[in-house]
Protein backbone atom coordinates (compact mmCIF):
# COMPACT_ATOMS: atom_id res chain seq x y z
CA MET A 1 -75.54 -35.91 -94.07
CA PRO A 2 -72.99 -36.43 -96.76
CA SER A 3 -70.58 -32.75 -97.47
CA ILE A 4 -68.91 -31.90 -100.44
CA THR A 5 -66.07 -28.76 -100.83
CA VAL A 6 -66.21 -27.21 -104.14
CA LYS A 7 -63.10 -25.19 -104.57
CA ASN A 8 -61.85 -22.40 -107.30
CA ILE A 9 -65.13 -21.50 -107.84
CA PRO A 10 -65.27 -19.25 -111.16
CA GLU A 11 -65.80 -15.53 -109.23
CA SER A 12 -68.20 -14.97 -112.07
CA LEU A 13 -69.95 -18.45 -111.39
CA TYR A 14 -70.00 -17.85 -107.98
CA LYS A 15 -71.61 -13.80 -108.46
CA LYS A 16 -74.35 -15.58 -110.85
CA LEU A 17 -74.95 -18.29 -108.07
CA LYS A 18 -74.95 -15.51 -105.63
CA GLN A 19 -78.16 -13.60 -106.87
CA GLN A 20 -79.82 -16.72 -108.24
CA ALA A 21 -80.26 -17.68 -104.49
CA GLU A 22 -81.25 -14.47 -103.11
CA ALA A 23 -83.58 -13.50 -105.80
CA GLN A 24 -84.95 -17.72 -104.94
CA HIS A 25 -84.92 -16.83 -101.01
CA ARG A 26 -82.10 -19.44 -100.43
CA SER A 27 -78.70 -20.01 -98.65
CA MET A 28 -75.72 -20.28 -101.22
CA ASN A 29 -76.08 -24.10 -99.78
CA SER A 30 -79.73 -24.39 -100.59
CA GLU A 31 -79.17 -23.15 -104.04
CA ILE A 32 -76.16 -25.55 -104.97
CA ILE A 33 -77.89 -28.31 -103.94
CA ALA A 34 -81.08 -27.40 -106.04
CA CYS A 35 -78.87 -26.98 -109.22
CA LEU A 36 -77.68 -29.87 -108.73
CA GLU A 37 -80.87 -31.79 -108.04
CA GLN A 38 -82.25 -30.05 -111.90
CA SER A 39 -79.15 -31.20 -113.37
CA VAL A 40 -78.83 -34.36 -112.16
CA GLU A 41 -82.42 -35.68 -111.98
CA PRO A 42 -84.63 -36.92 -114.39
CA LYS A 43 -87.10 -34.46 -115.73
CA ARG A 44 -91.06 -36.00 -115.91
CA VAL A 45 -92.65 -34.81 -118.64
CA SER A 46 -96.77 -35.64 -118.67
CA PRO A 47 -98.12 -37.33 -121.57
CA ASP A 48 -100.23 -34.82 -122.26
CA GLU A 49 -97.03 -32.41 -122.84
CA THR A 50 -95.38 -35.42 -124.54
CA LEU A 51 -97.86 -35.12 -127.09
CA ARG A 52 -98.72 -30.99 -127.22
CA GLN A 53 -94.48 -31.08 -128.77
CA ALA A 54 -95.22 -33.51 -130.91
CA ARG A 55 -97.96 -31.97 -132.36
CA THR A 56 -96.32 -28.47 -132.73
CA MET A 57 -93.35 -30.43 -134.22
CA ARG A 58 -95.71 -32.05 -136.46
CA LYS A 59 -97.14 -28.72 -138.03
CA LYS A 60 -93.98 -27.10 -138.52
CA VAL A 61 -92.69 -29.92 -141.00
CA LYS A 62 -93.83 -29.70 -144.32
CA GLY A 63 -95.09 -32.88 -146.31
CA SER A 64 -95.02 -36.26 -144.77
CA VAL A 65 -93.34 -39.54 -146.02
CA SER A 66 -95.03 -42.93 -145.79
CA ALA A 67 -93.43 -46.22 -144.33
CA GLU A 68 -92.90 -47.37 -148.32
CA GLU A 69 -90.93 -44.68 -148.78
CA ILE A 70 -88.81 -44.70 -145.30
CA LYS A 71 -88.26 -47.99 -146.20
CA ASP A 72 -86.56 -47.78 -149.21
CA ALA A 73 -84.22 -44.77 -148.08
CA ILE A 74 -83.10 -47.55 -146.05
CA ASP A 75 -82.83 -50.34 -148.20
CA GLN A 76 -80.51 -47.25 -150.34
CA GLY A 77 -78.70 -46.96 -147.38
CA ARG A 78 -79.85 -43.55 -146.61
CA PRO A 79 -80.09 -42.44 -142.99
């Protein structure tokens, strides 16, 4: 299995990682791997969650814009 060495880790970051590792009952190595996996691997969101988020955002939007209004705005060079 490949390995990696990380040098010059700021003391404050090291302390936070150590605290997080202890809270998760992991070694420092396992915690760093978990952090890397979380930041590198894509997060899968279920279709139901996507719909829930879309409905929540729709409720926050006041008014609506028709397809014709969007086309007119594009034709006028507006974003």
